[in-house]
Amino acid sequence: MAITMTAGSESAVKLTNVVKWYSDITAVDNVSLDVKHGEIFGLLGPNGSGKSTTLKIILGLIKADSGSTEVLGIDAENNPIAVKQQVGYVPE
């Protein structure tokens, strides 16, 4: 699979109303963001604020309970293998 991106034409990462619960704890609460190709974006927050959970949703490692996630135009929930073929991730 080849993905061609034109700078500024598409989102590199797009989250729309993403929510993730662990039992009765809301880990990610209605997060929406749109990171364009070539932009640098950081997630900042205290421990337990949902940063790692959000990254794992983006990478297709875990599924959101609601909302949508696209990486380079790929639906991360429906095609996590294609996302993993395009993205590198080194935790901690």
PDB file of N, CA and C in Angstrom:
ATOM      1  N   MET A   1       0.839  -1.163   0.000  1.00  0.00           N
ATOM      2  CA  MET A   1       0.000   0.000   0.000  1.00  0.00           C
ATOM      3  C   MET A   1       0.889   1.233   0.000  1.00  0.00           C
ATOM      4  N   ALA A   2       0.680   2.118  -0.915  1.00  0.00           N
ATOM      5  CA  ALA A   2       1.418   3.373  -0.972  1.00  0.00           C
ATOM      6  C   ALA A   2       0.477   4.509  -0.637  1.00  0.00           C
ATOM      7  N   ILE A   3       0.932   5.429   0.208  1.00  0.00           N
ATOM      8  CA  ILE A   3       0.130   6.584   0.571  1.00  0.00           C
ATOM      9  C   ILE A   3       0.897   7.817   0.154  1.00  0.00           C
ATOM     10  N   THR A   4       0.271   8.635  -0.659  1.00  0.00           N
ATOM     11  CA  THR A   4       0.887   9.870  -1.118  1.00  0.00           C
ATOM     12  C   THR A   4       0.205  11.031  -0.418  1.00  0.00           C
ATOM     13  N   MET A   5       0.988  11.848   0.248  1.00  0.00           N
ATOM     14  CA  MET A   5       0.448  13.009   0.951  1.00  0.00           C
ATOM     15  C   MET A   5       0.997  14.270   0.307  1.00  0.00           C
ATOM     16  N   THR A   6       0.150  15.250   0.128  1.00  0.00           N
ATOM     17  CA  THR A   6       0.569  16.562  -0.313  1.00  0.00           C
ATOM     18  C   THR A   6       0.494  17.480   0.892  1.00  0.00           C
ATOM     19  N   ALA A   7       1.575  18.159   1.203  1.00  0.00           N
ATOM     20  CA  ALA A   7       1.629  19.000   2.395  1.00  0.00           C
ATOM     21  C   ALA A   7       0.456  19.963   2.428  1.00  0.00           C
ATOM     22  N   GLY A   8      -0.255  19.971   3.551  1.00  0.00           N
ATOM     23  CA  GLY A   8      -1.362  20.888   3.738  1.00  0.00           C
ATOM     24  C   GLY A   8      -2.678  20.429   3.147  1.00  0.00           C
ATOM     25  N   SER A   9      -2.678  19.342   2.353  1.00  0.00           N
ATOM     26  CA  SER A   9      -3.907  18.949   1.678  1.00  0.00           C
ATOM     27  C   SER A   9      -4.765  18.015   2.502  1.00  0.00           C
ATOM     28  N   GLU A  10      -4.166  17.251   3.379  1.00  0.00           N
ATOM     29  CA  GLU A  10      -4.910  16.295   4.179  1.00  0.00           C
ATOM     30  C   GLU A  10      -4.396  16.316   5.606  1.00  0.00           C
ATOM     31  N   SER A  11      -5.200  15.738   6.465  1.00  0.00           N
ATOM     32  CA  SER A  11      -4.779  15.592   7.853  1.00  0.00           C
ATOM     33  C   SER A  11      -3.853  14.394   7.966  1.00  0.00           C
ATOM     34  N   ALA A  12      -2.800  14.530   8.760  1.00  0.00           N
ATOM     35  CA  ALA A  12      -1.958  13.378   9.076  1.00  0.00           C
ATOM     36  C   ALA A  12      -2.652  12.544  10.147  1.00  0.00           C
ATOM     37  N   VAL A  13      -3.232  13.230  11.137  1.00  0.00           N
ATOM     38  CA  VAL A  13      -3.980  12.577  12.219  1.00  0.00           C
ATOM     39  C   VAL A  13      -5.243  13.393  12.459  1.00  0.00           C
ATOM     40  N   LYS A  14      -6.372  12.712  12.476  1.00  0.00           N
ATOM     41  CA  LYS A  14      -7.640  13.404  12.734  1.00  0.00           C
ATOM     42  C   LYS A  14      -8.483  12.573  13.689  1.00  0.00           C
ATOM     43  N   LEU A  15      -8.792  13.154  14.834  1.00  0.00           N
ATOM     44  CA  LEU A  15      -9.678  12.535  15.814  1.00  0.00           C
ATOM     45  C   LEU A  15     -10.940  13.374  15.878  1.00  0.00           C
ATOM     46  N   THR A  16     -12.075  12.701  15.901  1.00  0.00           N
ATOM     47  CA  THR A  16     -13.348  13.391  15.987  1.00  0.00           C
ATOM     48  C   THR A  16     -14.175  12.781  17.110  1.00  0.00           C
ATOM     49  N   ASN A  17     -14.389  13.562  18.156  1.00  0.00           N
ATOM     50  CA  ASN A  17     -15.238  13.177  19.291  1.00  0.00           C
ATOM     51  C   ASN A  17     -14.875  11.810  19.866  1.00  0.00           C
ATOM     52  N   VAL A  18     -13.598  11.569  20.086  1.00  0.00           N
ATOM     53  CA  VAL A  18     -13.121  10.273  20.581  1.00  0.00           C
ATOM     54  C   VAL A  18     -13.340  10.175  22.092  1.00  0.00           C
ATOM     55  N   VAL A  19     -13.918   9.046  22.496  1.00  0.00           N
ATOM     56  CA  VAL A  19     -14.197   8.776  23.908  1.00  0.00           C
ATOM     57  C   VAL A  19     -13.713   7.369  24.229  1.00  0.00           C
ATOM     58  N   LYS A  20     -13.089   7.212  25.398  1.00  0.00           N
ATOM     59  CA  LYS A  20     -12.667   5.894  25.877  1.00  0.00           C
ATOM     60  C   LYS A  20     -12.926   5.806  27.372  1.00  0.00           C
ATOM     61  N   TRP A  21     -13.630   4.742  27.770  1.00  0.00           N
ATOM     62  CA  TRP A  21     -13.901   4.484  29.187  1.00  0.00           C
ATOM     63  C   TRP A  21     -13.193   3.214  29.612  1.00  0.00           C
ATOM     64  N   TYR A  22     -12.776   3.191  30.866  1.00  0.00           N
ATOM     65  CA  TYR A  22     -12.329   1.975  31.538  1.00  0.00           C
ATOM     66  C   TYR A  22     -13.261   1.814  32.720  1.00  0.00           C
ATOM     67  N   SER A  23     -14.203   0.900  32.596  1.00  0.00           N
ATOM     68  CA  SER A  23     -15.273   0.729  33.592  1.00  0.00           C
ATOM     69  C   SER A  23     -16.006   2.056  33.754  1.00  0.00           C
ATOM     70  N   ASP A  24     -15.985   2.645  34.935  1.00  0.00           N
ATOM     71  CA  ASP A  24     -16.694   3.910  35.147  1.00  0.00           C
ATOM     72  C   ASP A  24     -15.767   5.126  35.072  1.00  0.00           C
ATOM     73  N   ILE A  25     -14.532   4.928  34.622  1.00  0.00           N
ATOM     74  CA  ILE A  25     -13.563   6.020  34.501  1.00  0.00           C
ATOM     75  C   ILE A  25     -13.461   6.453  33.045  1.00  0.00           C
ATOM     76  N   THR A  26     -13.633   7.742  32.815  1.00  0.00           N
ATOM     77  CA  THR A  26     -13.475   8.285  31.469  1.00  0.00           C
ATOM     78  C   THR A  26     -12.011   8.634  31.264  1.00  0.00           C
ATOM     79  N   ALA A  27     -11.331   7.893  30.389  1.00  0.00           N
ATOM     80  CA  ALA A  27      -9.902   8.123  30.135  1.00  0.00           C
ATOM     81  C   ALA A  27      -9.692   9.200  29.074  1.00  0.00           C
ATOM     82  N   VAL A  28     -10.546   9.202  28.055  1.00  0.00           N
ATOM     83  CA  VAL A  28     -10.495  10.198  26.979  1.00  0.00           C
ATOM     84  C   VAL A  28     -11.925  10.703  26.806  1.00  0.00           C
ATOM     85  N   ASP A  29     -12.096  12.008  26.906  1.00  0.00           N
ATOM     86  CA  ASP A  29     -13.441  12.580  26.960  1.00  0.00           C
ATOM     87  C   ASP A  29     -13.697  13.527  25.791  1.00  0.00           C
ATOM     88  N   ASN A  30     -14.264  12.982  24.711  1.00  0.00           N
ATOM     89  CA  ASN A  30     -14.715  13.783  23.566  1.00  0.00           C
ATOM     90  C   ASN A  30     -13.578  14.614  22.952  1.00  0.00           C
ATOM     91  N   VAL A  31     -12.476  13.965  22.638  1.00  0.00           N
ATOM     92  CA  VAL A  31     -11.304  14.641  22.072  1.00  0.00           C
ATOM     93  C   VAL A  31     -11.430  14.732  20.556  1.00  0.00           C
ATOM     94  N   SER A  32     -11.237  15.935  20.043  1.00  0.00           N
ATOM     95  CA  SER A  32     -11.173  16.164  18.600  1.00  0.00           C
ATOM     96  C   SER A  32      -9.907  16.952  18.319  1.00  0.00           C
ATOM     97  N   LEU A  33      -9.179  16.540  17.294  1.00  0.00           N
ATOM     98  CA  LEU A  33      -8.002  17.291  16.866  1.00  0.00           C
ATOM     99  C   LEU A  33      -7.737  16.984  15.398  1.00  0.00           C
ATOM    100  N   ASP A  34      -7.036  17.896  14.763  1.00  0.00           N
ATOM    101  CA  ASP A  34      -6.729  17.761  13.345  1.00  0.00           C
ATOM    102  C   ASP A  34      -5.296  18.232  13.131  1.00  0.00           C
ATOM    103  N   VAL A  35      -4.381  17.282  12.993  1.00  0.00           N
ATOM    104  CA  VAL A  35      -2.968  17.586  12.804  1.00  0.00           C
ATOM    105  C   VAL A  35      -2.662  17.433  11.315  1.00  0.00           C
ATOM    106  N   LYS A  36      -2.280  18.519  10.694  1.00  0.00           N
ATOM    107  CA  LYS A  36      -1.978  18.507   9.269  1.00  0.00           C
ATOM    108  C   LYS A  36      -0.596  17.910   9.006  1.00  0.00           C
ATOM    109  N   HIS A  37      -0.412  17.425   7.804  1.00  0.00           N
ATOM    110  CA  HIS A  37       0.875  16.874   7.391  1.00  0.00           C
ATOM    111  C   HIS A  37       1.961  17.931   7.562  1.00  0.00           C
ATOM    112  N   GLY A  38       3.043  17.567   8.239  1.00  0.00           N
ATOM    113  CA  GLY A  38       4.166  18.480   8.448  1.00  0.00           C
ATOM    114  C   GLY A  38       4.104  19.261   9.743  1.00  0.00           C
ATOM    115  N   GLU A  39       2.971  19.247  10.437  1.00  0.00           N
ATOM    116  CA  GLU A  39       2.863  19.947  11.714  1.00  0.00           C
ATOM    117  C   GLU A  39       3.501  19.129  12.822  1.00  0.00           C
ATOM    118  N   ILE A  40       3.926  19.808  13.869  1.00  0.00           N
ATOM    119  CA  ILE A  40       4.422  19.159  15.073  1.00  0.00           C
ATOM    120  C   ILE A  40       3.378  19.407  16.150  1.00  0.00           C
ATOM    121  N   PHE A  41       2.965  18.345  16.818  1.00  0.00           N
ATOM    122  CA  PHE A  41       1.888  18.435  17.794  1.00  0.00           C
ATOM    123  C   PHE A  41       2.297  17.678  19.044  1.00  0.00           C
ATOM    124  N   GLY A  42       2.040  18.237  20.195  1.00  0.00           N
ATOM    125  CA  GLY A  42       2.363  17.573  21.454  1.00  0.00           C
ATOM    126  C   GLY A  42       1.133  17.417  22.321  1.00  0.00           C
ATOM    127  N   LEU A  43       1.081  16.322  23.058  1.00  0.00           N
ATOM    128  CA  LEU A  43       0.031  16.105  24.053  1.00  0.00           C
ATOM    129  C   LEU A  43       0.652  16.326  25.421  1.00  0.00           C
ATOM    130  N   LEU A  44       0.145  17.294  26.142  1.00  0.00           N
ATOM    131  CA  LEU A  44       0.666  17.612  27.465  1.00  0.00           C
ATOM    132  C   LEU A  44      -0.432  17.445  28.504  1.00  0.00           C
ATOM    133  N   GLY A  45      -0.072  16.982  29.666  1.00  0.00           N
ATOM    134  CA  GLY A  45      -1.037  16.859  30.743  1.00  0.00           C
ATOM    135  C   GLY A  45      -0.470  16.032  31.869  1.00  0.00           C
ATOM    136  N   PRO A  46      -1.138  16.074  33.010  1.00  0.00           N
ATOM    137  CA  PRO A  46      -0.658  15.314  34.170  1.00  0.00           C
ATOM    138  C   PRO A  46      -0.878  13.818  33.995  1.00  0.00           C
ATOM    139  N   ASN A  47      -0.283  13.036  34.878  1.00  0.00           N
ATOM    140  CA  ASN A  47      -0.500  11.590  34.874  1.00  0.00           C
ATOM    141  C   ASN A  47      -1.993  11.304  34.932  1.00  0.00           C
ATOM    142  N   GLY A  48      -2.415  10.331  34.135  1.00  0.00           N
ATOM    143  CA  GLY A  48      -3.815   9.929  34.154  1.00  0.00           C
ATOM    144  C   GLY A  48      -4.749  10.795  33.348  1.00  0.00           C
ATOM    145  N   SER A  49      -4.199  11.695  32.531  1.00  0.00           N
ATOM    146  CA  SER A  49      -5.067  12.599  31.770  1.00  0.00           C
ATOM    147  C   SER A  49      -5.474  12.054  30.406  1.00  0.00           C
ATOM    148  N   GLY A  50      -4.964  10.873  30.013  1.00  0.00           N
ATOM    149  CA  GLY A  50      -5.399  10.248  28.771  1.00  0.00           C
ATOM    150  C   GLY A  50      -4.451  10.369  27.592  1.00  0.00           C
ATOM    151  N   LYS A  51      -3.246  10.852  27.822  1.00  0.00           N
ATOM    152  CA  LYS A  51      -2.283  11.027  26.725  1.00  0.00           C
ATOM    153  C   LYS A  51      -1.916   9.695  26.081  1.00  0.00           C
ATOM    154  N   SER A  52      -1.495   8.737  26.883  1.00  0.00           N
ATOM    155  CA  SER A  52      -1.097   7.428  26.343  1.00  0.00           C
ATOM    156  C   SER A  52      -2.278   6.699  25.724  1.00  0.00           C
ATOM    157  N   THR A  53      -3.432   6.803  26.349  1.00  0.00           N
ATOM    158  CA  THR A  53      -4.629   6.172  25.798  1.00  0.00           C
ATOM    159  C   THR A  53      -4.961   6.769  24.439  1.00  0.00           C
ATOM    160  N   THR A  54      -4.852   8.085  24.315  1.00  0.00           N
ATOM    161  CA  THR A  54      -5.118   8.744  23.027  1.00  0.00           C
ATOM    162  C   THR A  54      -4.146   8.251  21.965  1.00  0.00           C
ATOM    163  N   LEU A  55      -2.859   8.151  22.296  1.00  0.00           N
ATOM    164  CA  LEU A  55      -1.876   7.651  21.333  1.00  0.00           C
ATOM    165  C   LEU A  55      -2.168   6.207  20.936  1.00  0.00           C
ATOM    166  N   LYS A  56      -2.553   5.384  21.879  1.00  0.00           N
ATOM    167  CA  LYS A  56      -2.866   3.984  21.574  1.00  0.00           C
ATOM    168  C   LYS A  56      -4.094   3.870  20.675  1.00  0.00           C
ATOM    169  N   ILE A  57      -5.048   4.777  20.843  1.00  0.00           N
ATOM    170  CA  ILE A  57      -6.210   4.810  19.951  1.00  0.00           C
ATOM    171  C   ILE A  57      -5.767   5.222  18.550  1.00  0.00           C
ATOM    172  N   ILE A  58      -4.936   6.244  18.458  1.00  0.00           N
ATOM    173  CA  ILE A  58      -4.433   6.704  17.156  1.00  0.00           C
ATOM    174  C   ILE A  58      -3.703   5.573  16.432  1.00  0.00           C
ATOM    175  N   LEU A  59      -2.932   4.803  17.167  1.00  0.00           N
ATOM    176  CA  LEU A  59      -2.136   3.727  16.578  1.00  0.00           C
ATOM    177  C   LEU A  59      -2.947   2.456  16.312  1.00  0.00           C
ATOM    178  N   GLY A  60      -4.184   2.424  16.779  1.00  0.00           N
ATOM    179  CA  GLY A  60      -5.005   1.234  16.580  1.00  0.00           C
ATOM    180  C   GLY A  60      -4.679   0.112  17.549  1.00  0.00           C
ATOM    181  N   LEU A  61      -3.993   0.437  18.645  1.00  0.00           N
ATOM    182  CA  LEU A  61      -3.654  -0.579  19.637  1.00  0.00           C
ATOM    183  C   LEU A  61      -4.840  -0.883  20.551  1.00  0.00           C
ATOM    184  N   ILE A  62      -5.672   0.128  20.787  1.00  0.00           N
ATOM    185  CA  ILE A  62      -6.923  -0.068  21.507  1.00  0.00           C
ATOM    186  C   ILE A  62      -8.033   0.649  20.747  1.00  0.00           C
ATOM    187  N   LYS A  63      -9.264   0.233  20.964  1.00  0.00           N
ATOM    188  CA  LYS A  63     -10.400   0.840  20.272  1.00  0.00           C
ATOM    189  C   LYS A  63     -11.082   1.869  21.157  1.00  0.00           C
ATOM    190  N   ALA A  64     -11.464   2.965  20.531  1.00  0.00           N
ATOM    191  CA  ALA A  64     -12.253   3.977  21.234  1.00  0.00           C
ATOM    192  C   ALA A  64     -13.665   3.444  21.421  1.00  0.00           C
ATOM    193  N   ASP A  65     -14.336   3.932  22.444  1.00  0.00           N
ATOM    194  CA  ASP A  65     -15.725   3.540  22.665  1.00  0.00           C
ATOM    195  C   ASP A  65     -16.667   4.303  21.737  1.00  0.00           C
ATOM    196  N   SER A  66     -16.262   5.498  21.329  1.00  0.00           N
ATOM    197  CA  SER A  66     -17.014   6.243  20.332  1.00  0.00           C
ATOM    198  C   SER A  66     -16.085   7.247  19.670  1.00  0.00           C
ATOM    199  N   GLY A  67     -16.538   7.789  18.553  1.00  0.00           N
ATOM    200  CA  GLY A  67     -15.749   8.742  17.796  1.00  0.00           C
ATOM    201  C   GLY A  67     -15.007   8.058  16.660  1.00  0.00           C
ATOM    202  N   SER A  68     -14.242   8.847  15.917  1.00  0.00           N
ATOM    203  CA  SER A  68     -13.498   8.298  14.779  1.00  0.00           C
ATOM    204  C   SER A  68     -12.055   8.779  14.810  1.00  0.00           C
ATOM    205  N   THR A  69     -11.170   7.947  14.252  1.00  0.00           N
ATOM    206  CA  THR A  69      -9.736   8.233  14.206  1.00  0.00           C
ATOM    207  C   THR A  69      -9.205   7.884  12.831  1.00  0.00           C
ATOM    208  N   GLU A  70      -8.533   8.847  12.200  1.00  0.00           N
ATOM    209  CA  GLU A  70      -7.885   8.610  10.908  1.00  0.00           C
ATOM    210  C   GLU A  70      -6.411   8.969  11.020  1.00  0.00           C
ATOM    211  N   VAL A  71      -5.572   8.138  10.423  1.00  0.00           N
ATOM    212  CA  VAL A  71      -4.138   8.390  10.346  1.00  0.00           C
ATOM    213  C   VAL A  71      -3.752   8.274   8.884  1.00  0.00           C
ATOM    214  N   LEU A  72      -3.260   9.365   8.302  1.00  0.00           N
ATOM    215  CA  LEU A  72      -2.892   9.403   6.888  1.00  0.00           C
ATOM    216  C   LEU A  72      -4.052   8.929   6.004  1.00  0.00           C
ATOM    217  N   GLY A  73      -5.255   9.293   6.388  1.00  0.00           N
ATOM    218  CA  GLY A  73      -6.444   8.928   5.634  1.00  0.00           C
ATOM    219  C   GLY A  73      -6.962   7.526   5.892  1.00  0.00           C
ATOM    220  N   ILE A  74      -6.320   6.786   6.785  1.00  0.00           N
ATOM    221  CA  ILE A  74      -6.705   5.406   7.100  1.00  0.00           C
ATOM    222  C   ILE A  74      -7.545   5.412   8.366  1.00  0.00           C
ATOM    223  N   ASP A  75      -8.667   4.718   8.359  1.00  0.00           N
ATOM    224  CA  ASP A  75      -9.495   4.560   9.553  1.00  0.00           C
ATOM    225  C   ASP A  75      -8.766   3.626  10.511  1.00  0.00           C
ATOM    226  N   ALA A  76      -8.289   4.172  11.631  1.00  0.00           N
ATOM    227  CA  ALA A  76      -7.460   3.399  12.564  1.00  0.00           C
ATOM    228  C   ALA A  76      -8.222   2.268  13.238  1.00  0.00           C
ATOM    229  N   GLU A  77      -9.518   2.427  13.428  1.00  0.00           N
ATOM    230  CA  GLU A  77     -10.288   1.374  14.089  1.00  0.00           C
ATOM    231  C   GLU A  77     -10.569   0.218  13.147  1.00  0.00           C
ATOM    232  N   ASN A  78     -10.903   0.522  11.901  1.00  0.00           N
ATOM    233  CA  ASN A  78     -11.255  -0.530  10.945  1.00  0.00           C
ATOM    234  C   ASN A  78     -10.056  -1.130  10.227  1.00  0.00           C
ATOM    235  N   ASN A  79      -8.923  -0.433  10.230  1.00  0.00           N
ATOM    236  CA  ASN A  79      -7.755  -0.941   9.526  1.00  0.00           C
ATOM    237  C   ASN A  79      -6.470  -0.646  10.316  1.00  0.00           C
ATOM    238  N   PRO A  80      -6.371  -1.171  11.548  1.00  0.00           N
ATOM    239  CA  PRO A  80      -5.199  -0.857  12.372  1.00  0.00           C
ATOM    240  C   PRO A  80      -3.882  -1.385  11.803  1.00  0.00           C
ATOM    241  N   ILE A  81      -3.920  -2.454  11.037  1.00  0.00           N
ATOM    242  CA  ILE A  81      -2.680  -2.993  10.462  1.00  0.00           C
ATOM    243  C   ILE A  81      -2.095  -2.011   9.458  1.00  0.00           C
ATOM    244  N   ALA A  82      -2.937  -1.391   8.644  1.00  0.00           N
ATOM    245  CA  ALA A  82      -2.456  -0.407   7.673  1.00  0.00           C
ATOM    246  C   ALA A  82      -1.835   0.797   8.380  1.00  0.00           C
ATOM    247  N   VAL A  83      -2.407   1.197   9.510  1.00  0.00           N
ATOM    248  CA  VAL A  83      -1.826   2.302  10.282  1.00  0.00           C
ATOM    249  C   VAL A  83      -0.460   1.888  10.812  1.00  0.00           C
ATOM    250  N   LYS A  84      -0.359   0.696  11.363  1.00  0.00           N
ATOM    251  CA  LYS A  84       0.911   0.223  11.923  1.00  0.00           C
ATOM    252  C   LYS A  84       1.997   0.108  10.849  1.00  0.00           C
ATOM    253  N   GLN A  85       1.605  -0.132   9.601  1.00  0.00           N
ATOM    254  CA  GLN A  85       2.577  -0.200   8.517  1.00  0.00           C
ATOM    255  C   GLN A  85       3.120   1.181   8.151  1.00  0.00           C
ATOM    256  N   GLN A  86       2.449   2.239   8.569  1.00  0.00           N
ATOM    257  CA  GLN A  86       2.847   3.604   8.211  1.00  0.00           C
ATOM    258  C   GLN A  86       3.462   4.399   9.356  1.00  0.00           C
ATOM    259  N   VAL A  87       3.290   3.919  10.596  1.00  0.00           N
ATOM    260  CA  VAL A  87       3.641   4.725  11.769  1.00  0.00           C
ATOM    261  C   VAL A  87       4.602   3.943  12.663  1.00  0.00           C
ATOM    262  N   GLY A  88       5.581   4.643  13.218  1.00  0.00           N
ATOM    263  CA  GLY A  88       6.458   4.056  14.219  1.00  0.00           C
ATOM    264  C   GLY A  88       6.096   4.600  15.582  1.00  0.00           C
ATOM    265  N   TYR A  89       6.218   3.784  16.618  1.00  0.00           N
ATOM    266  CA  TYR A  89       5.852   4.178  17.972  1.00  0.00           C
ATOM    267  C   TYR A  89       6.825   3.548  18.957  1.00  0.00           C
ATOM    268  N   VAL A  90       7.452   4.407  19.786  1.00  0.00           N
ATOM    269  CA  VAL A  90       8.356   3.918  20.823  1.00  0.00           C
ATOM    270  C   VAL A  90       7.823   4.450  22.146  1.00  0.00           C
ATOM    271  N   PRO A  91       7.169   3.591  22.939  1.00  0.00           N
ATOM    272  CA  PRO A  91       6.603   4.082  24.193  1.00  0.00           C
ATOM    273  C   PRO A  91       7.674   4.387  25.220  1.00  0.00           C
ATOM    274  N   GLU A  92       7.389   5.344  26.061  1.00  0.00           N
ATOM    275  CA  GLU A  92       8.223   5.757  27.193  1.00  0.00           C
ATOM    276  C   GLU A  92       9.648   5.982  26.781  1.00  0.00           C
TER     277      GLU A  92
END
